[in-house]
Amino acid sequence: MSAPALPRCRWCNPANPVYVAYHDHEWGVPVYDDHRLFEMLILESFQAGLSWECVLNKREHFRRAFDGFDIMTVSRYDAEKCEALACDPGIIRNRRKIQAAVVNARIFLEIQAEYGSFSAYLRHFSGSDVIFESDKTSSTLSDRISADLRRRGMKFVGTTIIYAYLQAIGIINSHEEGCFLYRKAAVTPSQP
């Protein structure tokens, strides 16, 4: 007899092991590593208008196609590389999102140079505490970060996308009441 399934957030498809692993081990876990922050920013931007599960199922293809999400490499993509990505059936082949990934990589590097890291940039908006809230798709925090990123020239970074991004990287913890990962009070993470 197998053990009963753990209670999870309603959005987590229990029939998809990739989704379950993402929910259990990544979503809502604080991320400070700029490489991972860049990967999640690109993936969230590709999610616009689609389901996160669709993007997550293509994550390994994205990693391969986008050179392991190496920020410097992506920032140097030319028209030929963008065209090759637009023809890659393993990823979401939206030309505007592909071009945005290149532009966003360049701006990501500019933000790193200005703040020392993209993590420091994000935390200058949010502080070091995790925000615990659920049942939202945007907030004043996502509004402010989105507005600043758009002012800098990033694309596909509207407030809803940025809110989902902040959830994915653990600045906002939105595990639902009843989920085995639900927490009420903030726990200050230790930075690695």
N, C-alpha and C. Protein backbone atom coordinates (compact mmCIF):
# COMPACT_ATOMS: atom_id res chain seq x y z
N MET A 1 0.85 -1.18 0.00
CA MET A 1 0.00 0.00 0.00
C MET A 1 0.90 1.25 0.00
N SER A 2 0.62 2.19 -0.87
CA SER A 2 1.43 3.40 -0.94
C SER A 2 0.97 4.40 0.10
N ALA A 3 1.89 5.27 0.47
CA ALA A 3 1.57 6.30 1.47
C ALA A 3 0.61 7.30 0.85
N PRO A 4 -0.25 7.90 1.68
CA PRO A 4 -1.17 8.91 1.14
C PRO A 4 -0.39 10.12 0.63
N ALA A 5 -0.92 10.73 -0.41
CA ALA A 5 -0.28 11.91 -0.99
C ALA A 5 -0.32 13.06 -0.01
N LEU A 6 0.75 13.86 -0.02
CA LEU A 6 0.78 15.05 0.82
C LEU A 6 -0.22 16.06 0.29
N PRO A 7 -0.85 16.82 1.18
CA PRO A 7 -1.76 17.88 0.69
C PRO A 7 -0.93 19.02 0.10
N ARG A 8 -1.29 19.43 -1.11
CA ARG A 8 -0.55 20.48 -1.81
C ARG A 8 -1.49 21.60 -2.24
N CYS A 9 -0.91 22.66 -2.76
CA CYS A 9 -1.70 23.76 -3.30
C CYS A 9 -2.60 23.23 -4.42
N ARG A 10 -3.77 23.83 -4.57
CA ARG A 10 -4.75 23.35 -5.55
C ARG A 10 -4.22 23.37 -6.97
N TRP A 11 -3.34 24.31 -7.30
CA TRP A 11 -2.84 24.44 -8.67
C TRP A 11 -1.88 23.32 -9.07
N CYS A 12 -1.33 22.63 -8.11
CA CYS A 12 -0.32 21.61 -8.40
C CYS A 12 -0.98 20.34 -8.92
N ASN A 13 -0.68 19.98 -10.15
CA ASN A 13 -1.24 18.79 -10.79
C ASN A 13 -0.54 17.55 -10.24
N PRO A 14 -1.23 16.77 -9.40
CA PRO A 14 -0.58 15.62 -8.78
C PRO A 14 -0.19 14.52 -9.77
N ALA A 15 -0.74 14.56 -10.97
CA ALA A 15 -0.43 13.55 -11.98
C ALA A 15 0.86 13.87 -12.75
N ASN A 16 1.43 15.06 -12.53
CA ASN A 16 2.64 15.47 -13.23
C ASN A 16 3.80 15.51 -12.24
N PRO A 17 4.69 14.52 -12.27
CA PRO A 17 5.79 14.49 -11.30
C PRO A 17 6.72 15.69 -11.38
N VAL A 18 6.87 16.27 -12.57
CA VAL A 18 7.71 17.47 -12.72
C VAL A 18 7.09 18.63 -11.94
N TYR A 19 5.78 18.76 -12.05
CA TYR A 19 5.06 19.83 -11.37
C TYR A 19 5.09 19.63 -9.85
N VAL A 20 4.92 18.39 -9.41
CA VAL A 20 4.95 18.08 -7.98
C VAL A 20 6.33 18.40 -7.41
N ALA A 21 7.38 18.00 -8.10
CA ALA A 21 8.74 18.27 -7.64
C ALA A 21 8.99 19.78 -7.58
N TYR A 22 8.52 20.52 -8.59
CA TYR A 22 8.67 21.97 -8.59
C TYR A 22 7.95 22.57 -7.38
N HIS A 23 6.71 22.17 -7.16
CA HIS A 23 5.93 22.67 -6.03
C HIS A 23 6.63 22.37 -4.71
N ASP A 24 7.09 21.14 -4.54
CA ASP A 24 7.63 20.69 -3.26
C ASP A 24 9.03 21.23 -2.96
N HIS A 25 9.85 21.47 -4.00
CA HIS A 25 11.25 21.79 -3.75
C HIS A 25 11.73 23.14 -4.26
N GLU A 26 10.93 23.82 -5.08
CA GLU A 26 11.39 25.10 -5.64
C GLU A 26 10.46 26.27 -5.34
N TRP A 27 9.18 26.10 -5.59
CA TRP A 27 8.25 27.23 -5.54
C TRP A 27 8.18 27.78 -4.11
N GLY A 28 8.47 29.04 -3.98
CA GLY A 28 8.41 29.69 -2.67
C GLY A 28 9.69 29.57 -1.87
N VAL A 29 10.71 28.90 -2.40
CA VAL A 29 11.99 28.78 -1.71
C VAL A 29 12.87 29.97 -2.11
N PRO A 30 13.37 30.74 -1.14
CA PRO A 30 14.18 31.91 -1.47
C PRO A 30 15.39 31.58 -2.33
N VAL A 31 15.56 32.37 -3.40
CA VAL A 31 16.66 32.21 -4.35
C VAL A 31 17.50 33.49 -4.31
N TYR A 32 18.80 33.33 -4.16
CA TYR A 32 19.73 34.47 -4.15
C TYR A 32 20.71 34.41 -5.32
N ASP A 33 20.79 33.28 -5.97
CA ASP A 33 21.73 33.06 -7.06
C ASP A 33 21.22 33.73 -8.34
N ASP A 34 22.02 34.64 -8.89
CA ASP A 34 21.60 35.39 -10.08
C ASP A 34 21.35 34.50 -11.29
N HIS A 35 22.09 33.42 -11.42
CA HIS A 35 21.86 32.51 -12.54
C HIS A 35 20.44 31.94 -12.47
N ARG A 36 20.04 31.46 -11.31
CA ARG A 36 18.69 30.93 -11.14
C ARG A 36 17.64 32.04 -11.27
N LEU A 37 17.95 33.22 -10.76
CA LEU A 37 17.01 34.34 -10.88
C LEU A 37 16.78 34.69 -12.35
N PHE A 38 17.84 34.63 -13.14
CA PHE A 38 17.69 34.91 -14.57
C PHE A 38 16.86 33.82 -15.25
N GLU A 39 17.17 32.57 -14.96
CA GLU A 39 16.40 31.47 -15.55
C GLU A 39 14.92 31.63 -15.26
N MET A 40 14.58 31.90 -14.01
CA MET A 40 13.17 32.00 -13.65
C MET A 40 12.52 33.23 -14.30
N LEU A 41 13.26 34.31 -14.43
CA LEU A 41 12.71 35.51 -15.08
C LEU A 41 12.37 35.21 -16.53
N ILE A 42 13.27 34.52 -17.23
CA ILE A 42 13.02 34.17 -18.63
C ILE A 42 11.84 33.21 -18.74
N LEU A 43 11.83 32.19 -17.91
CA LEU A 43 10.72 31.22 -17.97
C LEU A 43 9.39 31.89 -17.65
N GLU A 44 9.36 32.75 -16.65
CA GLU A 44 8.10 33.45 -16.31
C GLU A 44 7.64 34.33 -17.47
N SER A 45 8.58 34.96 -18.17
CA SER A 45 8.17 35.81 -19.29
C SER A 45 7.59 34.98 -20.43
N PHE A 46 8.10 33.77 -20.62
CA PHE A 46 7.54 32.90 -21.65
C PHE A 46 6.17 32.35 -21.24
N GLN A 47 5.88 32.37 -19.96
CA GLN A 47 4.60 31.85 -19.47
C GLN A 47 3.44 32.80 -19.79
N ALA A 48 3.71 34.05 -20.06
CA ALA A 48 2.65 35.03 -20.31
C ALA A 48 1.63 34.49 -21.31
N GLY A 49 0.39 34.40 -20.88
CA GLY A 49 -0.69 33.91 -21.73
C GLY A 49 -0.82 32.40 -21.79
N LEU A 50 0.06 31.69 -21.10
CA LEU A 50 0.06 30.23 -21.11
C LEU A 50 0.01 29.73 -19.66
N SER A 51 -0.02 28.43 -19.50
CA SER A 51 0.02 27.87 -18.14
C SER A 51 1.47 27.66 -17.72
N TRP A 52 1.72 27.77 -16.41
CA TRP A 52 3.05 27.52 -15.90
C TRP A 52 3.44 26.07 -16.15
N GLU A 53 2.48 25.17 -16.07
CA GLU A 53 2.76 23.75 -16.29
C GLU A 53 3.32 23.53 -17.70
N CYS A 54 2.79 24.24 -18.68
CA CYS A 54 3.28 24.13 -20.06
C CYS A 54 4.75 24.53 -20.12
N VAL A 55 5.10 25.64 -19.49
CA VAL A 55 6.49 26.11 -19.49
C VAL A 55 7.38 25.15 -18.72
N LEU A 56 6.92 24.72 -17.57
CA LEU A 56 7.71 23.81 -16.74
C LEU A 56 8.01 22.51 -17.47
N ASN A 57 7.05 22.00 -18.21
CA ASN A 57 7.26 20.77 -18.97
C ASN A 57 8.32 20.94 -20.06
N LYS A 58 8.56 22.18 -20.48
CA LYS A 58 9.55 22.47 -21.53
C LYS A 58 10.86 23.02 -20.95
N ARG A 59 10.96 23.05 -19.64
CA ARG A 59 12.10 23.69 -18.98
C ARG A 59 13.44 23.14 -19.44
N GLU A 60 13.59 21.84 -19.52
CA GLU A 60 14.88 21.26 -19.96
C GLU A 60 15.19 21.63 -21.39
N HIS A 61 14.17 21.71 -22.23
CA HIS A 61 14.39 22.15 -23.62
C HIS A 61 14.84 23.61 -23.64
N PHE A 62 14.20 24.44 -22.79
CA PHE A 62 14.61 25.84 -22.68
C PHE A 62 16.07 25.94 -22.24
N ARG A 63 16.46 25.15 -21.25
CA ARG A 63 17.84 25.20 -20.77
C ARG A 63 18.83 24.89 -21.89
N ARG A 64 18.51 23.87 -22.69
CA ARG A 64 19.37 23.51 -23.80
C ARG A 64 19.39 24.62 -24.84
N ALA A 65 18.21 25.08 -25.22
CA ALA A 65 18.11 26.08 -26.29
C ALA A 65 18.74 27.42 -25.90
N PHE A 66 18.63 27.78 -24.62
CA PHE A 66 19.15 29.06 -24.14
C PHE A 66 20.51 28.90 -23.44
N ASP A 67 21.30 27.95 -23.91
CA ASP A 67 22.68 27.80 -23.44
C ASP A 67 22.79 27.78 -21.92
N GLY A 68 21.92 26.99 -21.30
CA GLY A 68 21.96 26.87 -19.84
C GLY A 68 21.59 28.14 -19.12
N PHE A 69 20.93 29.04 -19.81
CA PHE A 69 20.55 30.36 -19.27
C PHE A 69 21.77 31.15 -18.83
N ASP A 70 22.86 31.00 -19.56
CA ASP A 70 24.03 31.83 -19.29
C ASP A 70 23.70 33.27 -19.71
N ILE A 71 23.70 34.16 -18.75
CA ILE A 71 23.22 35.53 -18.98
C ILE A 71 24.04 36.23 -20.06
N MET A 72 25.34 36.14 -19.96
CA MET A 72 26.20 36.82 -20.94
C MET A 72 25.96 36.27 -22.34
N THR A 73 25.87 34.95 -22.46
CA THR A 73 25.65 34.33 -23.77
C THR A 73 24.32 34.77 -24.36
N VAL A 74 23.26 34.73 -23.57
CA VAL A 74 21.94 35.13 -24.06
C VAL A 74 21.95 36.60 -24.46
N SER A 75 22.65 37.43 -23.72
CA SER A 75 22.68 38.87 -24.03
C SER A 75 23.33 39.15 -25.39
N ARG A 76 24.11 38.18 -25.90
CA ARG A 76 24.82 38.36 -27.17
C ARG A 76 24.14 37.66 -28.35
N TYR A 77 22.98 37.10 -28.13
CA TYR A 77 22.28 36.43 -29.24
C TYR A 77 22.04 37.41 -30.36
N ASP A 78 22.26 36.93 -31.57
CA ASP A 78 22.02 37.74 -32.77
C ASP A 78 20.74 37.26 -33.47
N ALA A 79 20.45 37.88 -34.59
CA ALA A 79 19.22 37.55 -35.33
C ALA A 79 19.21 36.08 -35.76
N GLU A 80 20.35 35.55 -36.13
CA GLU A 80 20.43 34.15 -36.56
C GLU A 80 20.07 33.20 -35.42
N LYS A 81 20.60 33.47 -34.23
CA LYS A 81 20.29 32.62 -33.07
C LYS A 81 18.81 32.76 -32.70
N CYS A 82 18.28 33.96 -32.75
CA CYS A 82 16.85 34.16 -32.44
C CYS A 82 15.97 33.42 -33.43
N GLU A 83 16.38 33.40 -34.69
CA GLU A 83 15.62 32.66 -35.70
C GLU A 83 15.68 31.16 -35.43
N ALA A 84 16.85 30.67 -35.03
CA ALA A 84 16.98 29.25 -34.70
C ALA A 84 16.07 28.90 -33.51
N LEU A 85 16.00 29.77 -32.52
CA LEU A 85 15.11 29.54 -31.38
C LEU A 85 13.65 29.54 -31.82
N ALA A 86 13.31 30.43 -32.73
CA ALA A 86 11.93 30.51 -33.21
C ALA A 86 11.52 29.26 -33.98
N CYS A 87 12.49 28.47 -34.41
CA CYS A 87 12.21 27.23 -35.14
C CYS A 87 12.36 25.98 -34.27
N ASP A 88 12.68 26.17 -33.00
CA ASP A 88 12.94 25.05 -32.09
C ASP A 88 11.61 24.54 -31.51
N PRO A 89 11.18 23.34 -31.88
CA PRO A 89 9.89 22.84 -31.41
C PRO A 89 9.87 22.47 -29.92
N GLY A 90 11.04 22.45 -29.27
CA GLY A 90 11.10 22.09 -27.86
C GLY A 90 10.74 23.22 -26.91
N ILE A 91 10.70 24.46 -27.44
CA ILE A 91 10.39 25.61 -26.60
C ILE A 91 9.14 26.30 -27.13
N ILE A 92 8.74 27.37 -26.45
CA ILE A 92 7.63 28.20 -26.92
C ILE A 92 8.23 29.15 -27.95
N ARG A 93 7.76 29.07 -29.19
CA ARG A 93 8.42 29.74 -30.30
C ARG A 93 7.83 31.10 -30.61
N ASN A 94 7.62 31.89 -29.60
CA ASN A 94 7.08 33.23 -29.76
C ASN A 94 8.25 34.19 -30.00
N ARG A 95 8.30 34.76 -31.19
CA ARG A 95 9.43 35.61 -31.58
C ARG A 95 9.57 36.83 -30.67
N ARG A 96 8.47 37.41 -30.27
CA ARG A 96 8.54 38.58 -29.37
C ARG A 96 9.12 38.21 -28.02
N LYS A 97 8.77 37.04 -27.51
CA LYS A 97 9.31 36.60 -26.22
C LYS A 97 10.79 36.23 -26.34
N ILE A 98 11.17 35.67 -27.47
CA ILE A 98 12.58 35.34 -27.69
C ILE A 98 13.41 36.63 -27.75
N GLN A 99 12.94 37.61 -28.50
CA GLN A 99 13.66 38.88 -28.58
C GLN A 99 13.70 39.56 -27.22
N ALA A 100 12.60 39.45 -26.46
CA ALA A 100 12.56 40.04 -25.12
C ALA A 100 13.58 39.38 -24.21
N ALA A 101 13.78 38.08 -24.35
CA ALA A 101 14.76 37.38 -23.51
C ALA A 101 16.16 37.96 -23.71
N VAL A 102 16.49 38.30 -24.95
CA VAL A 102 17.80 38.87 -25.26
C VAL A 102 17.92 40.27 -24.67
N VAL A 103 16.92 41.09 -24.90
CA VAL A 103 16.92 42.45 -24.34
C VAL A 103 16.95 42.39 -22.82
N ASN A 104 16.14 41.51 -22.24
CA ASN A 104 16.08 41.41 -20.78
C ASN A 104 17.41 40.94 -20.20
N ALA A 105 18.13 40.07 -20.92
CA ALA A 105 19.45 39.64 -20.45
C ALA A 105 20.41 40.83 -20.39
N ARG A 106 20.37 41.68 -21.38
CA ARG A 106 21.25 42.86 -21.40
C ARG A 106 20.93 43.79 -20.23
N ILE A 107 19.64 43.99 -19.98
CA ILE A 107 19.24 44.87 -18.88
C ILE A 107 19.54 44.20 -17.53
N PHE A 108 19.39 42.90 -17.44
CA PHE A 108 19.74 42.15 -16.23
C PHE A 108 21.21 42.41 -15.88
N LEU A 109 22.09 42.36 -16.90
CA LEU A 109 23.51 42.63 -16.69
C LEU A 109 23.75 44.07 -16.23
N GLU A 110 23.00 45.01 -16.77
CA GLU A 110 23.12 46.41 -16.35
C GLU A 110 22.72 46.55 -14.88
N ILE A 111 21.65 45.85 -14.49
CA ILE A 111 21.19 45.91 -13.10
C ILE A 111 22.23 45.27 -12.18
N GLN A 112 22.82 44.17 -12.60
CA GLN A 112 23.89 43.54 -11.81
C GLN A 112 25.04 44.53 -11.59
N ALA A 113 25.43 45.23 -12.65
CA ALA A 113 26.53 46.20 -12.54
C ALA A 113 26.17 47.33 -11.58
N GLU A 114 24.91 47.75 -11.60
CA GLU A 114 24.47 48.85 -10.75
C GLU A 114 24.34 48.45 -9.28
N TYR A 115 23.81 47.24 -9.02
CA TYR A 115 23.49 46.83 -7.65
C TYR A 115 24.44 45.78 -7.09
N GLY A 116 25.34 45.28 -7.89
CA GLY A 116 26.22 44.22 -7.42
C GLY A 116 25.68 42.83 -7.73
N SER A 117 24.37 42.70 -7.74
CA SER A 117 23.70 41.45 -8.11
C SER A 117 22.23 41.77 -8.38
N PHE A 118 21.60 40.90 -9.15
CA PHE A 118 20.17 41.07 -9.39
C PHE A 118 19.40 40.78 -8.10
N SER A 119 19.91 39.86 -7.31
CA SER A 119 19.29 39.56 -6.01
C SER A 119 19.24 40.80 -5.14
N ALA A 120 20.34 41.54 -5.07
CA ALA A 120 20.38 42.78 -4.27
C ALA A 120 19.37 43.80 -4.81
N TYR A 121 19.26 43.87 -6.12
CA TYR A 121 18.26 44.76 -6.74
C TYR A 121 16.86 44.41 -6.27
N LEU A 122 16.50 43.13 -6.36
CA LEU A 122 15.15 42.72 -5.95
C LEU A 122 14.92 43.00 -4.47
N ARG A 123 15.92 42.71 -3.66
CA ARG A 123 15.74 42.85 -2.22
C ARG A 123 15.80 44.31 -1.77
N HIS A 124 16.25 45.19 -2.61
CA HIS A 124 16.16 46.61 -2.23
C HIS A 124 14.70 47.06 -2.28
N PHE A 125 13.88 46.34 -3.02
CA PHE A 125 12.44 46.61 -3.03
C PHE A 125 11.74 45.88 -1.89
N SER A 126 12.15 44.66 -1.61
CA SER A 126 11.38 43.79 -0.72
C SER A 126 11.94 43.64 0.68
N GLY A 127 13.19 44.00 0.90
CA GLY A 127 13.83 43.73 2.18
C GLY A 127 14.25 42.27 2.22
N SER A 128 14.64 41.81 3.38
CA SER A 128 15.14 40.44 3.47
C SER A 128 14.10 39.44 3.95
N ASP A 129 12.96 39.92 4.43
CA ASP A 129 11.93 39.00 4.92
C ASP A 129 11.11 38.43 3.78
N VAL A 130 10.66 37.20 3.98
CA VAL A 130 9.73 36.57 3.05
C VAL A 130 8.34 37.12 3.34
N ILE A 131 7.62 37.43 2.29
CA ILE A 131 6.24 37.92 2.41
C ILE A 131 5.31 36.73 2.28
N PHE A 132 4.45 36.53 3.25
CA PHE A 132 3.52 35.42 3.23
C PHE A 132 2.14 35.95 2.88
N GLU A 133 1.65 35.60 1.69
CA GLU A 133 0.32 35.99 1.26
C GLU A 133 -0.12 35.06 0.14
N SER A 134 -1.41 34.88 0.01
CA SER A 134 -1.92 34.02 -1.06
C SER A 134 -3.18 34.63 -1.65
N ASP A 135 -3.65 33.99 -2.71
CA ASP A 135 -4.86 34.42 -3.41
C ASP A 135 -4.73 35.80 -4.03
N LYS A 136 -3.53 36.14 -4.49
CA LYS A 136 -3.31 37.40 -5.19
C LYS A 136 -2.62 37.11 -6.52
N THR A 137 -2.74 38.02 -7.44
CA THR A 137 -2.01 37.93 -8.71
C THR A 137 -1.12 39.13 -8.93
N SER A 138 -1.19 40.11 -8.03
CA SER A 138 -0.32 41.28 -8.09
C SER A 138 -0.35 41.93 -6.71
N SER A 139 0.57 42.87 -6.51
CA SER A 139 0.64 43.59 -5.24
C SER A 139 1.35 44.91 -5.48
N THR A 140 1.42 45.75 -4.47
CA THR A 140 2.16 46.99 -4.63
C THR A 140 3.64 46.71 -4.90
N LEU A 141 4.16 45.62 -4.32
CA LEU A 141 5.56 45.24 -4.56
C LEU A 141 5.77 44.85 -6.03
N SER A 142 4.92 43.99 -6.56
CA SER A 142 5.08 43.59 -7.96
C SER A 142 4.83 44.78 -8.89
N ASP A 143 3.93 45.68 -8.50
CA ASP A 143 3.70 46.90 -9.29
C ASP A 143 4.97 47.73 -9.38
N ARG A 144 5.65 47.92 -8.24
CA ARG A 144 6.85 48.76 -8.21
C ARG A 144 8.00 48.13 -9.00
N ILE A 145 8.22 46.84 -8.80
CA ILE A 145 9.31 46.17 -9.52
C ILE A 145 9.03 46.14 -11.02
N SER A 146 7.80 45.82 -11.38
CA SER A 146 7.41 45.79 -12.79
C SER A 146 7.62 47.15 -13.44
N ALA A 147 7.17 48.20 -12.77
CA ALA A 147 7.31 49.55 -13.33
C ALA A 147 8.78 49.91 -13.52
N ASP A 148 9.63 49.54 -12.57
CA ASP A 148 11.04 49.86 -12.69
C ASP A 148 11.69 49.06 -13.82
N LEU A 149 11.38 47.77 -13.92
CA LEU A 149 11.94 46.96 -15.00
C LEU A 149 11.49 47.46 -16.37
N ARG A 150 10.22 47.84 -16.48
CA ARG A 150 9.72 48.36 -17.75
C ARG A 150 10.38 49.70 -18.07
N ARG A 151 10.58 50.54 -17.07
CA ARG A 151 11.25 51.83 -17.27
C ARG A 151 12.67 51.61 -17.80
N ARG A 152 13.30 50.54 -17.37
CA ARG A 152 14.66 50.21 -17.81
C ARG A 152 14.66 49.57 -19.20
N GLY A 153 13.49 49.15 -19.71
CA GLY A 153 13.39 48.60 -21.05
C GLY A 153 13.07 47.12 -21.15
N MET A 154 12.88 46.44 -20.01
CA MET A 154 12.53 45.02 -20.07
C MET A 154 11.13 44.85 -20.63
N LYS A 155 10.92 43.70 -21.25
CA LYS A 155 9.63 43.34 -21.86
C LYS A 155 9.07 42.10 -21.17
N PHE A 156 7.76 41.92 -21.26
CA PHE A 156 7.06 40.79 -20.66
C PHE A 156 7.34 40.72 -19.16
N VAL A 157 7.28 41.87 -18.52
CA VAL A 157 7.50 41.95 -17.08
C VAL A 157 6.38 42.76 -16.42
N GLY A 158 5.15 42.54 -16.86
CA GLY A 158 4.01 43.20 -16.23
C GLY A 158 3.85 42.75 -14.79
N THR A 159 3.00 43.43 -14.05
CA THR A 159 2.88 43.15 -12.63
C THR A 159 2.45 41.72 -12.30
N THR A 160 1.60 41.13 -13.13
CA THR A 160 1.17 39.74 -12.88
C THR A 160 2.33 38.77 -13.09
N ILE A 161 3.11 38.98 -14.14
CA ILE A 161 4.28 38.13 -14.38
C ILE A 161 5.29 38.30 -13.24
N ILE A 162 5.53 39.53 -12.83
CA ILE A 162 6.49 39.77 -11.75
C ILE A 162 5.98 39.20 -10.43
N TYR A 163 4.69 39.26 -10.18
CA TYR A 163 4.17 38.66 -8.95
C TYR A 163 4.42 37.14 -8.97
N ALA A 164 4.14 36.49 -10.10
CA ALA A 164 4.40 35.05 -10.22
C ALA A 164 5.90 34.77 -10.06
N TYR A 165 6.73 35.64 -10.59
CA TYR A 165 8.18 35.51 -10.45
C TYR A 165 8.59 35.59 -8.99
N LEU A 166 8.05 36.57 -8.26
CA LEU A 166 8.39 36.73 -6.85
C LEU A 166 7.94 35.52 -6.03
N GLN A 167 6.83 34.91 -6.43
CA GLN A 167 6.40 33.67 -5.78
C GLN A 167 7.38 32.54 -6.10
N ALA A 168 7.78 32.44 -7.35
CA ALA A 168 8.66 31.36 -7.78
C ALA A 168 10.01 31.42 -7.09
N ILE A 169 10.52 32.64 -6.83
CA ILE A 169 11.86 32.78 -6.25
C ILE A 169 11.83 33.01 -4.75
N GLY A 170 10.67 32.86 -4.14
CA GLY A 170 10.58 32.85 -2.69
C GLY A 170 10.58 34.20 -1.99
N ILE A 171 10.46 35.29 -2.73
CA ILE A 171 10.28 36.57 -2.06
C ILE A 171 8.87 36.62 -1.48
N ILE A 172 7.93 36.03 -2.22
CA ILE A 172 6.56 35.86 -1.74
C ILE A 172 6.31 34.37 -1.60
N ASN A 173 5.84 33.95 -0.45
CA ASN A 173 5.47 32.55 -0.22
C ASN A 173 3.95 32.49 -0.22
N SER A 174 3.40 31.82 -1.20
CA SER A 174 1.94 31.77 -1.38
C SER A 174 1.37 30.37 -1.25
N HIS A 175 2.07 29.47 -0.57
CA HIS A 175 1.50 28.14 -0.38
C HIS A 175 0.17 28.30 0.37
N GLU A 176 -0.84 27.62 -0.14
CA GLU A 176 -2.20 27.77 0.37
C GLU A 176 -2.39 27.06 1.72
N GLU A 177 -3.30 27.59 2.50
CA GLU A 177 -3.66 26.93 3.75
C GLU A 177 -4.14 25.52 3.40
N GLY A 178 -3.66 24.55 4.11
CA GLY A 178 -3.97 23.15 3.80
C GLY A 178 -2.83 22.45 3.09
N CYS A 179 -1.95 23.22 2.43
CA CYS A 179 -0.77 22.66 1.79
C CYS A 179 0.25 22.32 2.88
N PHE A 180 0.97 21.23 2.69
CA PHE A 180 1.95 20.85 3.71
C PHE A 180 3.10 21.85 3.84
N LEU A 181 3.25 22.76 2.88
CA LEU A 181 4.28 23.79 2.94
C LEU A 181 3.76 25.15 3.41
N TYR A 182 2.49 25.22 3.76
CA TYR A 182 1.88 26.48 4.19
C TYR A 182 2.54 26.97 5.47
N ARG A 183 2.83 28.26 5.51
CA ARG A 183 3.35 28.91 6.72
C ARG A 183 2.61 30.22 6.91
N LYS A 184 2.34 30.56 8.16
CA LYS A 184 1.66 31.83 8.46
C LYS A 184 2.65 32.97 8.67
N ALA A 185 3.68 32.71 9.44
CA ALA A 185 4.59 33.77 9.85
C ALA A 185 5.86 33.76 9.04
N ALA A 186 6.45 34.92 8.90
CA ALA A 186 7.68 35.03 8.15
C ALA A 186 8.81 34.33 8.88
N VAL A 187 9.61 33.64 8.11
CA VAL A 187 10.84 33.04 8.61
C VAL A 187 11.97 33.68 7.83
N THR A 188 12.86 34.35 8.52
CA THR A 188 13.94 35.03 7.82
C THR A 188 14.92 33.98 7.30
N PRO A 189 15.08 33.92 5.97
CA PRO A 189 15.99 32.92 5.41
C PRO A 189 17.44 33.29 5.67
N SER A 190 18.28 32.29 5.78
CA SER A 190 19.71 32.55 5.88
C SER A 190 20.28 32.54 4.47
N GLN A 191 21.02 33.58 4.16
CA GLN A 191 21.58 33.68 2.81
C GLN A 191 22.78 32.76 2.71
N PRO A 192 22.82 31.93 1.64
CA PRO A 192 23.96 31.01 1.48
C PRO A 192 25.25 31.76 1.21
